[in-house]
């Protein structure tokens, strides 16, 4: 892992370590976090999206607690609703990976700009939607 992260840093590329959290006990996740603290990748990601489960609030909280000061956390896998996205953002994740992004952007359209902008971190979602042309 050190070699890959070092190579990424030398070439100014982002490195991510992916935990397939659905297959790991909390003790195993904490041990991997200990390794991450030593290796120092840019991101720790909850899932590839191909496992039997994806991001959970509990796993995200554990990762943020264990490595949030060392690496950013990317929640990925099983993210299907805007409500869940907003919960993850409120927790402090830096990125979200979802194969359901079109539906998430469509959910954003339900809100008027005034109502939706009341959420303190909604701006990142609105910017994404504007860049993709899904919000007029």
N, C-alpha and C. Protein backbone atom coordinates (compact mmCIF):
# COMPACT_ATOMS: atom_id res chain seq x y z
N UNK A 1 0.82 -1.18 0.00
CA UNK A 1 0.00 0.00 0.00
C UNK A 1 0.87 1.25 0.00
N UNK A 2 1.96 1.20 0.77
CA UNK A 2 2.87 2.35 0.80
C UNK A 2 3.36 2.71 -0.60
N UNK A 3 3.76 1.70 -1.36
CA UNK A 3 4.32 1.94 -2.69
C UNK A 3 3.30 2.63 -3.61
N UNK A 4 2.07 2.19 -3.55
CA UNK A 4 1.03 2.76 -4.41
C UNK A 4 0.73 4.20 -3.99
N UNK A 5 0.57 4.44 -2.70
CA UNK A 5 0.28 5.79 -2.21
C UNK A 5 1.45 6.72 -2.52
N UNK A 6 2.67 6.25 -2.29
CA UNK A 6 3.86 7.06 -2.60
C UNK A 6 3.91 7.42 -4.08
N UNK A 7 3.65 6.45 -4.94
CA UNK A 7 3.66 6.69 -6.38
C UNK A 7 2.59 7.73 -6.77
N UNK A 8 1.41 7.60 -6.18
CA UNK A 8 0.35 8.58 -6.44
C UNK A 8 0.79 9.97 -6.01
N UNK A 9 1.35 10.08 -4.83
CA UNK A 9 1.78 11.38 -4.33
C UNK A 9 2.89 11.98 -5.20
N UNK A 10 3.85 11.16 -5.62
CA UNK A 10 4.93 11.64 -6.49
C UNK A 10 4.39 12.17 -7.81
N UNK A 11 3.32 11.60 -8.29
CA UNK A 11 2.74 11.98 -9.59
C UNK A 11 1.51 12.87 -9.45
N UNK A 12 1.32 13.39 -8.24
CA UNK A 12 0.20 14.31 -7.96
C UNK A 12 -1.16 13.71 -8.36
N UNK A 13 -1.33 12.45 -8.02
CA UNK A 13 -2.59 11.73 -8.27
C UNK A 13 -3.24 11.40 -6.92
N UNK A 14 -4.54 11.29 -6.93
CA UNK A 14 -5.28 10.96 -5.72
C UNK A 14 -5.23 9.46 -5.47
N UNK A 15 -5.00 9.09 -4.22
CA UNK A 15 -5.00 7.67 -3.85
C UNK A 15 -6.18 7.38 -2.94
N UNK A 16 -6.80 6.22 -3.16
CA UNK A 16 -7.93 5.77 -2.34
C UNK A 16 -7.66 4.35 -1.88
N UNK A 17 -7.93 4.11 -0.62
CA UNK A 17 -7.90 2.75 -0.08
C UNK A 17 -9.36 2.36 0.10
N UNK A 18 -9.76 1.25 -0.48
CA UNK A 18 -11.15 0.81 -0.41
C UNK A 18 -11.28 -0.33 0.58
N UNK A 19 -12.13 -0.09 1.58
CA UNK A 19 -12.51 -1.15 2.52
C UNK A 19 -13.81 -1.72 1.98
N UNK A 20 -13.94 -3.01 1.91
CA UNK A 20 -15.25 -3.59 1.59
C UNK A 20 -15.90 -3.85 2.95
N UNK A 21 -16.45 -2.77 3.53
CA UNK A 21 -16.87 -2.78 4.93
C UNK A 21 -17.90 -3.84 5.26
N UNK A 22 -18.69 -4.25 4.29
CA UNK A 22 -19.74 -5.24 4.56
C UNK A 22 -19.15 -6.60 4.94
N UNK A 23 -17.90 -6.86 4.61
CA UNK A 23 -17.28 -8.14 4.92
C UNK A 23 -16.37 -8.10 6.15
N UNK A 24 -16.28 -6.93 6.80
CA UNK A 24 -15.33 -6.75 7.88
C UNK A 24 -16.01 -6.52 9.22
N UNK A 25 -15.41 -7.03 10.27
CA UNK A 25 -15.88 -6.72 11.62
C UNK A 25 -15.38 -5.32 11.99
N UNK A 26 -15.94 -4.75 13.02
CA UNK A 26 -15.46 -3.43 13.47
C UNK A 26 -13.99 -3.50 13.86
N UNK A 27 -13.58 -4.60 14.48
CA UNK A 27 -12.17 -4.75 14.86
C UNK A 27 -11.26 -4.76 13.62
N UNK A 28 -11.70 -5.44 12.57
CA UNK A 28 -10.91 -5.46 11.33
C UNK A 28 -10.87 -4.08 10.68
N UNK A 29 -12.00 -3.37 10.72
CA UNK A 29 -12.02 -2.00 10.17
C UNK A 29 -11.07 -1.10 10.94
N UNK A 30 -11.05 -1.23 12.26
CA UNK A 30 -10.14 -0.42 13.07
C UNK A 30 -8.68 -0.76 12.78
N UNK A 31 -8.39 -2.02 12.56
CA UNK A 31 -7.01 -2.42 12.22
C UNK A 31 -6.60 -1.84 10.87
N UNK A 32 -7.50 -1.89 9.89
CA UNK A 32 -7.20 -1.27 8.60
C UNK A 32 -7.02 0.24 8.74
N UNK A 33 -7.81 0.85 9.60
CA UNK A 33 -7.65 2.29 9.85
C UNK A 33 -6.27 2.58 10.45
N UNK A 34 -5.79 1.70 11.32
CA UNK A 34 -4.45 1.87 11.89
C UNK A 34 -3.41 1.87 10.77
N UNK A 35 -3.56 0.98 9.82
CA UNK A 35 -2.64 0.91 8.68
C UNK A 35 -2.76 2.18 7.83
N UNK A 36 -3.98 2.63 7.60
CA UNK A 36 -4.21 3.85 6.82
C UNK A 36 -3.52 5.04 7.48
N UNK A 37 -3.55 5.10 8.79
CA UNK A 37 -2.90 6.21 9.50
C UNK A 37 -1.40 6.22 9.21
N UNK A 38 -0.83 5.07 8.98
CA UNK A 38 0.60 4.98 8.64
C UNK A 38 0.84 5.28 7.17
N UNK A 39 0.00 4.75 6.30
CA UNK A 39 0.20 4.87 4.85
C UNK A 39 -0.21 6.26 4.33
N UNK A 40 -1.27 6.83 4.89
CA UNK A 40 -1.75 8.18 4.56
C UNK A 40 -2.21 8.37 3.11
N UNK A 41 -3.18 7.58 2.66
CA UNK A 41 -3.77 7.85 1.34
C UNK A 41 -4.63 9.10 1.43
N UNK A 42 -5.07 9.59 0.28
CA UNK A 42 -5.94 10.77 0.26
C UNK A 42 -7.34 10.43 0.76
N UNK A 43 -7.82 9.24 0.40
CA UNK A 43 -9.19 8.85 0.74
C UNK A 43 -9.24 7.43 1.26
N UNK A 44 -10.23 7.20 2.10
CA UNK A 44 -10.66 5.86 2.49
C UNK A 44 -12.10 5.74 2.00
N UNK A 45 -12.39 4.66 1.30
CA UNK A 45 -13.69 4.48 0.67
C UNK A 45 -14.38 3.27 1.31
N UNK A 46 -15.69 3.38 1.54
CA UNK A 46 -16.41 2.33 2.26
C UNK A 46 -16.65 1.06 1.46
N UNK A 47 -16.68 1.15 0.15
CA UNK A 47 -17.10 -0.01 -0.64
C UNK A 47 -16.78 0.19 -2.12
N UNK A 48 -16.65 -0.91 -2.81
CA UNK A 48 -16.54 -0.85 -4.27
C UNK A 48 -17.91 -0.71 -4.90
N UNK A 49 -18.93 -1.08 -4.14
CA UNK A 49 -20.30 -1.11 -4.67
C UNK A 49 -20.67 -2.47 -5.21
N UNK A 50 -19.72 -3.39 -5.19
CA UNK A 50 -19.98 -4.73 -5.72
C UNK A 50 -20.11 -5.78 -4.64
N UNK A 51 -19.94 -5.39 -3.37
CA UNK A 51 -20.07 -6.33 -2.26
C UNK A 51 -21.54 -6.56 -1.92
N UNK A 52 -21.74 -7.28 -0.83
CA UNK A 52 -23.11 -7.60 -0.41
C UNK A 52 -23.79 -6.44 0.32
N UNK A 53 -23.06 -5.38 0.62
CA UNK A 53 -23.61 -4.21 1.28
C UNK A 53 -22.77 -2.99 0.93
N UNK A 54 -23.27 -1.83 1.27
CA UNK A 54 -22.55 -0.60 0.94
C UNK A 54 -22.31 0.24 2.18
N UNK A 55 -22.27 1.53 1.97
CA UNK A 55 -22.02 2.47 3.06
C UNK A 55 -23.15 2.42 4.08
N UNK A 56 -22.78 2.44 5.35
CA UNK A 56 -23.75 2.58 6.43
C UNK A 56 -23.32 3.78 7.27
N UNK A 57 -24.26 4.36 7.98
CA UNK A 57 -23.93 5.48 8.86
C UNK A 57 -22.92 5.04 9.93
N UNK A 58 -23.07 3.81 10.41
CA UNK A 58 -22.16 3.29 11.44
C UNK A 58 -20.74 3.16 10.90
N UNK A 59 -20.59 2.62 9.70
CA UNK A 59 -19.25 2.47 9.11
C UNK A 59 -18.62 3.82 8.82
N UNK A 60 -19.40 4.74 8.31
CA UNK A 60 -18.88 6.08 8.02
C UNK A 60 -18.43 6.75 9.31
N UNK A 61 -19.22 6.63 10.37
CA UNK A 61 -18.83 7.21 11.66
C UNK A 61 -17.52 6.61 12.16
N UNK A 62 -17.37 5.29 12.02
CA UNK A 62 -16.15 4.62 12.46
C UNK A 62 -14.94 5.13 11.67
N UNK A 63 -15.07 5.21 10.35
CA UNK A 63 -13.96 5.68 9.52
C UNK A 63 -13.60 7.13 9.83
N UNK A 64 -14.61 7.97 9.98
CA UNK A 64 -14.34 9.37 10.31
C UNK A 64 -13.64 9.49 11.66
N UNK A 65 -14.07 8.69 12.61
CA UNK A 65 -13.46 8.71 13.94
C UNK A 65 -12.00 8.25 13.88
N UNK A 66 -11.75 7.19 13.12
CA UNK A 66 -10.43 6.57 13.13
C UNK A 66 -9.41 7.25 12.22
N UNK A 67 -9.86 7.78 11.07
CA UNK A 67 -8.89 8.34 10.11
C UNK A 67 -9.28 9.71 9.56
N UNK A 68 -10.36 10.28 10.07
CA UNK A 68 -10.86 11.55 9.53
C UNK A 68 -9.87 12.69 9.58
N UNK A 69 -8.89 12.62 10.47
CA UNK A 69 -7.88 13.67 10.52
C UNK A 69 -6.70 13.38 9.60
N UNK A 70 -6.65 12.18 9.04
CA UNK A 70 -5.54 11.74 8.17
C UNK A 70 -5.97 11.66 6.72
N UNK A 71 -7.14 11.09 6.48
CA UNK A 71 -7.63 10.88 5.11
C UNK A 71 -9.09 11.32 5.03
N UNK A 72 -9.50 11.71 3.84
CA UNK A 72 -10.90 12.04 3.62
C UNK A 72 -11.67 10.74 3.46
N UNK A 73 -12.96 10.78 3.75
CA UNK A 73 -13.79 9.59 3.65
C UNK A 73 -14.74 9.73 2.47
N UNK A 74 -14.76 8.69 1.63
CA UNK A 74 -15.71 8.62 0.52
C UNK A 74 -16.70 7.51 0.83
N UNK A 75 -17.96 7.88 0.92
CA UNK A 75 -19.02 6.90 1.13
C UNK A 75 -19.47 6.39 -0.23
N UNK A 76 -19.54 5.09 -0.36
CA UNK A 76 -19.89 4.50 -1.64
C UNK A 76 -20.59 3.17 -1.42
N UNK A 77 -21.51 2.88 -2.30
CA UNK A 77 -22.22 1.61 -2.24
C UNK A 77 -23.56 1.75 -1.54
N UNK A 78 -24.64 1.46 -2.23
CA UNK A 78 -25.97 1.45 -1.63
C UNK A 78 -26.56 2.82 -1.34
N UNK A 79 -25.99 3.86 -1.91
CA UNK A 79 -26.48 5.22 -1.66
C UNK A 79 -27.54 5.54 -2.70
N UNK A 80 -28.80 5.54 -2.26
CA UNK A 80 -29.92 5.61 -3.20
C UNK A 80 -30.81 6.84 -3.03
N UNK A 81 -30.76 7.49 -1.84
CA UNK A 81 -31.69 8.60 -1.60
C UNK A 81 -30.96 9.88 -1.23
N UNK A 82 -31.59 10.98 -1.55
CA UNK A 82 -31.04 12.29 -1.20
C UNK A 82 -30.95 12.44 0.31
N UNK A 83 -31.92 11.93 1.03
CA UNK A 83 -31.90 12.00 2.49
C UNK A 83 -30.63 11.34 3.04
N UNK A 84 -30.29 10.18 2.51
CA UNK A 84 -29.07 9.48 2.95
C UNK A 84 -27.82 10.28 2.58
N UNK A 85 -27.81 10.85 1.38
CA UNK A 85 -26.68 11.68 0.95
C UNK A 85 -26.49 12.84 1.92
N UNK A 86 -27.58 13.51 2.28
CA UNK A 86 -27.47 14.66 3.18
C UNK A 86 -27.01 14.24 4.58
N UNK A 87 -27.44 13.06 5.03
CA UNK A 87 -26.96 12.55 6.32
C UNK A 87 -25.45 12.32 6.27
N UNK A 88 -24.98 11.74 5.17
CA UNK A 88 -23.55 11.47 5.03
C UNK A 88 -22.74 12.77 4.97
N UNK A 89 -23.25 13.75 4.25
CA UNK A 89 -22.58 15.04 4.16
C UNK A 89 -22.53 15.70 5.54
N UNK A 90 -23.63 15.63 6.26
CA UNK A 90 -23.66 16.20 7.62
C UNK A 90 -22.63 15.53 8.53
N UNK A 91 -22.40 14.25 8.32
CA UNK A 91 -21.42 13.53 9.13
C UNK A 91 -19.99 13.98 8.83
N UNK A 92 -19.77 14.44 7.58
CA UNK A 92 -18.43 14.91 7.24
C UNK A 92 -17.74 14.18 6.11
N UNK A 93 -18.46 13.34 5.35
CA UNK A 93 -17.80 12.69 4.22
C UNK A 93 -17.40 13.74 3.18
N UNK A 94 -16.34 13.46 2.46
CA UNK A 94 -15.84 14.40 1.46
C UNK A 94 -16.35 14.10 0.06
N UNK A 95 -16.64 12.84 -0.19
CA UNK A 95 -17.14 12.43 -1.51
C UNK A 95 -18.19 11.35 -1.33
N UNK A 96 -19.05 11.28 -2.33
CA UNK A 96 -20.08 10.25 -2.35
C UNK A 96 -20.05 9.58 -3.70
N UNK A 97 -20.06 8.27 -3.70
CA UNK A 97 -20.12 7.51 -4.94
C UNK A 97 -21.45 6.79 -5.01
N UNK A 98 -22.16 7.00 -6.11
CA UNK A 98 -23.46 6.35 -6.25
C UNK A 98 -23.74 6.09 -7.73
N UNK A 99 -24.20 4.89 -8.01
CA UNK A 99 -24.64 4.58 -9.37
C UNK A 99 -26.05 5.13 -9.60
N UNK A 100 -26.61 5.75 -8.58
CA UNK A 100 -27.95 6.29 -8.63
C UNK A 100 -27.94 7.82 -8.74
N UNK A 101 -26.86 8.39 -9.24
CA UNK A 101 -26.71 9.85 -9.23
C UNK A 101 -27.78 10.58 -10.05
N UNK A 102 -28.23 10.00 -11.14
CA UNK A 102 -29.27 10.65 -11.94
C UNK A 102 -30.54 10.81 -11.10
N UNK A 103 -30.94 9.76 -10.40
CA UNK A 103 -32.13 9.84 -9.55
C UNK A 103 -31.92 10.81 -8.40
N UNK A 104 -30.70 10.87 -7.86
CA UNK A 104 -30.41 11.82 -6.78
C UNK A 104 -30.57 13.25 -7.26
N UNK A 105 -30.07 13.53 -8.46
CA UNK A 105 -30.21 14.88 -9.02
C UNK A 105 -31.68 15.17 -9.29
N UNK A 106 -32.43 14.18 -9.75
CA UNK A 106 -33.86 14.39 -9.96
C UNK A 106 -34.58 14.68 -8.63
N UNK A 107 -34.12 14.05 -7.54
CA UNK A 107 -34.69 14.34 -6.23
C UNK A 107 -34.43 15.79 -5.83
N UNK A 108 -33.27 16.31 -6.20
CA UNK A 108 -32.93 17.70 -5.89
C UNK A 108 -33.93 18.63 -6.56
N UNK A 109 -34.36 18.30 -7.75
CA UNK A 109 -35.28 19.17 -8.50
C UNK A 109 -36.62 19.34 -7.79
N UNK A 110 -36.97 18.45 -6.90
CA UNK A 110 -38.23 18.54 -6.17
C UNK A 110 -38.24 19.78 -5.27
N UNK A 111 -37.06 20.17 -4.80
CA UNK A 111 -36.95 21.30 -3.88
C UNK A 111 -36.87 22.61 -4.66
N UNK A 112 -37.53 23.64 -4.15
CA UNK A 112 -37.32 24.97 -4.72
C UNK A 112 -35.95 25.43 -4.23
N UNK A 113 -35.27 26.31 -4.95
CA UNK A 113 -33.95 26.78 -4.49
C UNK A 113 -33.98 27.34 -3.07
N UNK A 114 -35.04 28.06 -2.71
CA UNK A 114 -35.13 28.65 -1.37
C UNK A 114 -35.22 27.56 -0.30
N UNK A 115 -36.09 26.58 -0.52
CA UNK A 115 -36.25 25.50 0.45
C UNK A 115 -34.99 24.67 0.55
N UNK A 116 -34.44 24.31 -0.58
CA UNK A 116 -33.29 23.41 -0.58
C UNK A 116 -32.04 24.10 -0.05
N UNK A 117 -31.87 25.38 -0.33
CA UNK A 117 -30.66 26.06 0.12
C UNK A 117 -30.62 26.23 1.63
N UNK A 118 -31.73 25.93 2.32
CA UNK A 118 -31.74 25.99 3.78
C UNK A 118 -30.82 24.93 4.38
N UNK A 119 -30.56 23.85 3.65
CA UNK A 119 -29.64 22.83 4.14
C UNK A 119 -28.22 23.37 4.02
N UNK A 120 -27.43 23.39 5.11
CA UNK A 120 -26.13 24.06 5.12
C UNK A 120 -25.12 23.52 4.11
N UNK A 121 -25.23 22.27 3.73
CA UNK A 121 -24.25 21.73 2.80
C UNK A 121 -24.84 21.38 1.45
N UNK A 122 -26.02 21.89 1.16
CA UNK A 122 -26.69 21.53 -0.07
C UNK A 122 -26.02 22.14 -1.29
N UNK A 123 -25.23 23.18 -1.11
CA UNK A 123 -24.62 23.88 -2.24
C UNK A 123 -23.82 22.92 -3.14
N UNK A 124 -23.11 21.97 -2.55
CA UNK A 124 -22.31 21.06 -3.38
C UNK A 124 -23.20 20.24 -4.30
N UNK A 125 -24.38 19.84 -3.83
CA UNK A 125 -25.29 19.08 -4.67
C UNK A 125 -25.90 19.96 -5.75
N UNK A 126 -26.23 21.19 -5.39
CA UNK A 126 -26.81 22.11 -6.37
C UNK A 126 -25.79 22.43 -7.45
N UNK A 127 -24.55 22.66 -7.06
CA UNK A 127 -23.49 22.93 -8.05
C UNK A 127 -23.35 21.75 -9.00
N UNK A 128 -23.34 20.55 -8.47
CA UNK A 128 -23.22 19.36 -9.31
C UNK A 128 -24.38 19.32 -10.30
N UNK A 129 -25.57 19.54 -9.79
CA UNK A 129 -26.76 19.48 -10.65
C UNK A 129 -26.71 20.55 -11.73
N UNK A 130 -26.26 21.74 -11.37
CA UNK A 130 -26.17 22.82 -12.36
C UNK A 130 -25.12 22.48 -13.42
N UNK A 131 -24.01 21.91 -13.01
CA UNK A 131 -22.95 21.55 -13.97
C UNK A 131 -23.40 20.48 -14.95
N UNK A 132 -24.28 19.60 -14.51
CA UNK A 132 -24.75 18.54 -15.38
C UNK A 132 -25.95 18.98 -16.19
N UNK A 133 -26.43 20.20 -15.92
CA UNK A 133 -27.54 20.72 -16.70
C UNK A 133 -28.89 20.19 -16.29
N UNK A 134 -28.99 19.57 -15.12
CA UNK A 134 -30.27 19.00 -14.73
C UNK A 134 -31.15 19.97 -13.97
N UNK A 135 -30.61 21.10 -13.53
CA UNK A 135 -31.45 22.13 -12.91
C UNK A 135 -31.45 23.33 -13.83
N UNK A 136 -32.65 23.79 -14.25
CA UNK A 136 -32.73 24.90 -15.21
C UNK A 136 -32.17 26.20 -14.64
